[in-house]
Amino acid sequence: MSAQSEKPAAMDTETIPEDLAIEIRRLAHDLSNALEIIVQTSYLLSTADLKEPAATWLGMLDSGVSKCLDINLELRKYIKAHTAP
């Protein structure tokens, strides 16, 4: 685990206050919706016959999209683990 991803022990057991959890869930949902637009646009671009350098740019976009989806999933898991049921 990298130094950036290490969390203090207290962060692993803290519960996010309900009012804050509601806002964080809303933002995570909105982020998911925005990412879905980017994912679908990236897919549609991949079906086009792109010439260089556009094909390389699409690869860069796909890499960034993949990272964003992973981060969003981590965020959603964290929210779920740190909010009251």
N, C-alpha and C. Protein backbone atom coordinates (compact mmCIF):
# COMPACT_ATOMS: atom_id res chain seq x y z
N MET A 1 0.85 -1.18 0.00
CA MET A 1 0.00 0.00 0.00
C MET A 1 0.89 1.24 0.00
N SER A 2 0.57 2.20 -0.83
CA SER A 2 1.38 3.42 -0.91
C SER A 2 1.08 4.33 0.26
N ALA A 3 1.98 5.25 0.51
CA ALA A 3 1.80 6.20 1.61
C ALA A 3 0.54 7.04 1.41
N GLN A 4 0.22 7.35 0.13
CA GLN A 4 -0.97 8.15 -0.14
C GLN A 4 -2.25 7.40 0.19
N SER A 5 -2.28 6.09 -0.03
CA SER A 5 -3.51 5.34 0.18
C SER A 5 -3.67 4.83 1.60
N GLU A 6 -2.64 4.99 2.45
CA GLU A 6 -2.75 4.56 3.83
C GLU A 6 -3.65 5.54 4.58
N LYS A 7 -4.51 4.97 5.44
CA LYS A 7 -5.43 5.79 6.20
C LYS A 7 -5.13 5.62 7.68
N PRO A 8 -5.33 6.67 8.47
CA PRO A 8 -5.19 6.51 9.91
C PRO A 8 -6.21 5.48 10.40
N ALA A 9 -5.88 4.74 11.45
CA ALA A 9 -6.76 3.70 11.98
C ALA A 9 -8.14 4.25 12.32
N ALA A 10 -8.20 5.45 12.84
CA ALA A 10 -9.50 6.04 13.22
C ALA A 10 -10.40 6.21 12.01
N MET A 11 -9.84 6.47 10.85
CA MET A 11 -10.64 6.65 9.64
C MET A 11 -11.34 5.36 9.22
N ASP A 12 -10.79 4.21 9.60
CA ASP A 12 -11.37 2.94 9.19
C ASP A 12 -12.65 2.62 9.95
N THR A 13 -12.86 3.20 11.13
CA THR A 13 -14.01 2.86 11.94
C THR A 13 -14.99 4.02 12.13
N GLU A 14 -14.63 5.21 11.71
CA GLU A 14 -15.51 6.36 11.88
C GLU A 14 -16.74 6.25 11.00
N THR A 15 -17.86 6.75 11.54
CA THR A 15 -19.10 6.82 10.76
C THR A 15 -19.27 8.26 10.29
N ILE A 16 -19.57 8.42 9.04
CA ILE A 16 -19.80 9.75 8.47
C ILE A 16 -21.14 10.25 9.02
N PRO A 17 -21.19 11.49 9.54
CA PRO A 17 -22.47 12.04 10.02
C PRO A 17 -23.53 11.99 8.91
N GLU A 18 -24.78 11.72 9.29
CA GLU A 18 -25.85 11.48 8.33
C GLU A 18 -26.03 12.62 7.33
N ASP A 19 -26.03 13.88 7.80
CA ASP A 19 -26.23 14.99 6.86
C ASP A 19 -25.10 15.07 5.84
N LEU A 20 -23.89 14.81 6.29
CA LEU A 20 -22.74 14.79 5.38
C LEU A 20 -22.80 13.59 4.45
N ALA A 21 -23.21 12.44 4.98
CA ALA A 21 -23.32 11.22 4.17
C ALA A 21 -24.32 11.41 3.02
N ILE A 22 -25.42 12.08 3.30
CA ILE A 22 -26.43 12.33 2.26
C ILE A 22 -25.83 13.14 1.12
N GLU A 23 -25.10 14.19 1.46
CA GLU A 23 -24.48 15.04 0.44
C GLU A 23 -23.39 14.28 -0.32
N ILE A 24 -22.59 13.50 0.38
CA ILE A 24 -21.53 12.73 -0.29
C ILE A 24 -22.15 11.69 -1.23
N ARG A 25 -23.22 11.03 -0.79
CA ARG A 25 -23.91 10.07 -1.67
C ARG A 25 -24.45 10.75 -2.91
N ARG A 26 -25.02 11.94 -2.74
CA ARG A 26 -25.55 12.70 -3.88
C ARG A 26 -24.44 13.02 -4.88
N LEU A 27 -23.32 13.48 -4.35
CA LEU A 27 -22.19 13.82 -5.22
C LEU A 27 -21.63 12.57 -5.92
N ALA A 28 -21.54 11.46 -5.20
CA ALA A 28 -21.05 10.22 -5.81
C ALA A 28 -22.00 9.75 -6.91
N HIS A 29 -23.29 9.91 -6.69
CA HIS A 29 -24.29 9.54 -7.70
C HIS A 29 -24.14 10.43 -8.94
N ASP A 30 -24.01 11.72 -8.73
CA ASP A 30 -23.83 12.65 -9.84
C ASP A 30 -22.54 12.36 -10.60
N LEU A 31 -21.48 12.02 -9.86
CA LEU A 31 -20.22 11.66 -10.49
C LEU A 31 -20.39 10.41 -11.35
N SER A 32 -21.11 9.42 -10.83
CA SER A 32 -21.37 8.20 -11.61
C SER A 32 -22.11 8.51 -12.90
N ASN A 33 -23.09 9.39 -12.83
CA ASN A 33 -23.84 9.76 -14.03
C ASN A 33 -22.94 10.46 -15.05
N ALA A 34 -22.10 11.37 -14.59
CA ALA A 34 -21.18 12.06 -15.50
C ALA A 34 -20.18 11.08 -16.11
N LEU A 35 -19.67 10.16 -15.30
CA LEU A 35 -18.73 9.16 -15.82
C LEU A 35 -19.39 8.27 -16.86
N GLU A 36 -20.65 7.96 -16.67
CA GLU A 36 -21.35 7.11 -17.65
C GLU A 36 -21.40 7.79 -19.02
N ILE A 37 -21.59 9.08 -19.05
CA ILE A 37 -21.58 9.83 -20.31
C ILE A 37 -20.21 9.71 -20.97
N ILE A 38 -19.16 9.86 -20.19
CA ILE A 38 -17.80 9.78 -20.71
C ILE A 38 -17.49 8.37 -21.20
N VAL A 39 -17.90 7.36 -20.44
CA VAL A 39 -17.68 5.97 -20.83
C VAL A 39 -18.38 5.68 -22.16
N GLN A 40 -19.62 6.09 -22.28
CA GLN A 40 -20.37 5.81 -23.51
C GLN A 40 -19.79 6.57 -24.70
N THR A 41 -19.37 7.80 -24.48
CA THR A 41 -18.76 8.58 -25.56
C THR A 41 -17.44 7.95 -25.98
N SER A 42 -16.66 7.51 -25.04
CA SER A 42 -15.40 6.83 -25.33
C SER A 42 -15.65 5.57 -26.16
N TYR A 43 -16.68 4.80 -25.78
CA TYR A 43 -17.02 3.60 -26.53
C TYR A 43 -17.42 3.96 -27.97
N LEU A 44 -18.27 4.96 -28.11
CA LEU A 44 -18.71 5.35 -29.46
C LEU A 44 -17.53 5.82 -30.31
N LEU A 45 -16.61 6.56 -29.71
CA LEU A 45 -15.41 6.98 -30.45
C LEU A 45 -14.57 5.79 -30.87
N SER A 46 -14.57 4.75 -30.04
CA SER A 46 -13.76 3.56 -30.37
C SER A 46 -14.31 2.82 -31.58
N THR A 47 -15.56 3.06 -31.93
CA THR A 47 -16.14 2.40 -33.11
C THR A 47 -15.83 3.15 -34.40
N ALA A 48 -15.30 4.36 -34.27
CA ALA A 48 -14.95 5.17 -35.44
C ALA A 48 -13.56 4.79 -35.94
N ASP A 49 -13.32 5.01 -37.19
CA ASP A 49 -12.01 4.75 -37.78
C ASP A 49 -11.14 5.99 -37.57
N LEU A 50 -10.50 6.04 -36.42
CA LEU A 50 -9.70 7.21 -36.06
C LEU A 50 -8.28 7.08 -36.59
N LYS A 51 -7.77 8.17 -37.08
CA LYS A 51 -6.38 8.22 -37.55
C LYS A 51 -5.52 8.82 -36.45
N GLU A 52 -4.24 8.61 -36.56
CA GLU A 52 -3.31 9.20 -35.58
C GLU A 52 -3.28 10.71 -35.77
N PRO A 53 -3.17 11.48 -34.74
CA PRO A 53 -2.94 11.10 -33.35
C PRO A 53 -4.23 10.82 -32.58
N ALA A 54 -5.40 10.92 -33.23
CA ALA A 54 -6.68 10.75 -32.52
C ALA A 54 -6.79 9.37 -31.88
N ALA A 55 -6.28 8.33 -32.53
CA ALA A 55 -6.35 6.98 -31.96
C ALA A 55 -5.54 6.91 -30.66
N THR A 56 -4.42 7.56 -30.62
CA THR A 56 -3.61 7.61 -29.40
C THR A 56 -4.34 8.37 -28.31
N TRP A 57 -4.98 9.46 -28.68
CA TRP A 57 -5.74 10.25 -27.70
C TRP A 57 -6.89 9.43 -27.12
N LEU A 58 -7.53 8.62 -27.96
CA LEU A 58 -8.61 7.77 -27.47
C LEU A 58 -8.06 6.77 -26.45
N GLY A 59 -6.88 6.23 -26.69
CA GLY A 59 -6.25 5.33 -25.73
C GLY A 59 -6.00 6.03 -24.41
N MET A 60 -5.55 7.28 -24.47
CA MET A 60 -5.33 8.06 -23.26
C MET A 60 -6.66 8.30 -22.52
N LEU A 61 -7.70 8.60 -23.29
CA LEU A 61 -9.03 8.81 -22.71
C LEU A 61 -9.50 7.54 -22.02
N ASP A 62 -9.37 6.40 -22.69
CA ASP A 62 -9.80 5.12 -22.11
C ASP A 62 -9.06 4.82 -20.82
N SER A 63 -7.76 5.12 -20.77
CA SER A 63 -6.97 4.90 -19.57
C SER A 63 -7.48 5.78 -18.43
N GLY A 64 -7.73 7.04 -18.73
CA GLY A 64 -8.25 7.96 -17.71
C GLY A 64 -9.64 7.56 -17.25
N VAL A 65 -10.48 7.11 -18.17
CA VAL A 65 -11.83 6.66 -17.82
C VAL A 65 -11.75 5.48 -16.87
N SER A 66 -10.88 4.54 -17.18
CA SER A 66 -10.73 3.36 -16.33
C SER A 66 -10.30 3.74 -14.92
N LYS A 67 -9.36 4.65 -14.81
CA LYS A 67 -8.90 5.11 -13.50
C LYS A 67 -10.03 5.81 -12.74
N CYS A 68 -10.80 6.64 -13.44
CA CYS A 68 -11.91 7.34 -12.81
C CYS A 68 -12.97 6.37 -12.29
N LEU A 69 -13.26 5.33 -13.07
CA LEU A 69 -14.23 4.34 -12.65
C LEU A 69 -13.74 3.60 -11.40
N ASP A 70 -12.46 3.28 -11.35
CA ASP A 70 -11.89 2.61 -10.17
C ASP A 70 -11.98 3.51 -8.94
N ILE A 71 -11.65 4.78 -9.09
CA ILE A 71 -11.71 5.73 -7.98
C ILE A 71 -13.16 5.90 -7.51
N ASN A 72 -14.09 6.00 -8.45
CA ASN A 72 -15.49 6.14 -8.10
C ASN A 72 -15.98 4.92 -7.33
N LEU A 73 -15.57 3.73 -7.74
CA LEU A 73 -15.95 2.51 -7.03
C LEU A 73 -15.38 2.52 -5.61
N GLU A 74 -14.13 2.92 -5.45
CA GLU A 74 -13.53 3.01 -4.12
C GLU A 74 -14.30 4.00 -3.25
N LEU A 75 -14.67 5.13 -3.82
CA LEU A 75 -15.43 6.15 -3.09
C LEU A 75 -16.76 5.58 -2.62
N ARG A 76 -17.47 4.90 -3.50
CA ARG A 76 -18.77 4.34 -3.15
C ARG A 76 -18.64 3.27 -2.06
N LYS A 77 -17.60 2.46 -2.15
CA LYS A 77 -17.36 1.43 -1.12
C LYS A 77 -17.05 2.10 0.23
N TYR A 78 -16.26 3.15 0.21
CA TYR A 78 -15.91 3.86 1.44
C TYR A 78 -17.17 4.46 2.07
N ILE A 79 -17.99 5.10 1.25
CA ILE A 79 -19.23 5.70 1.76
C ILE A 79 -20.10 4.63 2.39
N LYS A 80 -20.25 3.51 1.70
CA LYS A 80 -21.10 2.42 2.21
C LYS A 80 -20.56 1.88 3.53
N ALA A 81 -19.26 1.73 3.62
CA ALA A 81 -18.64 1.17 4.82
C ALA A 81 -18.67 2.13 6.01
N HIS A 82 -18.82 3.43 5.75
CA HIS A 82 -18.71 4.42 6.81
C HIS A 82 -19.99 5.21 7.05
N THR A 83 -21.12 4.65 6.63
CA THR A 83 -22.40 5.28 6.91
C THR A 83 -23.30 4.28 7.61
N ALA A 84 -24.22 4.83 8.38
CA ALA A 84 -25.18 3.97 9.10
C ALA A 84 -26.11 3.32 8.08
N PRO A 85 -26.48 2.07 8.34
CA PRO A 85 -27.39 1.38 7.39
C PRO A 85 -28.75 2.00 7.31
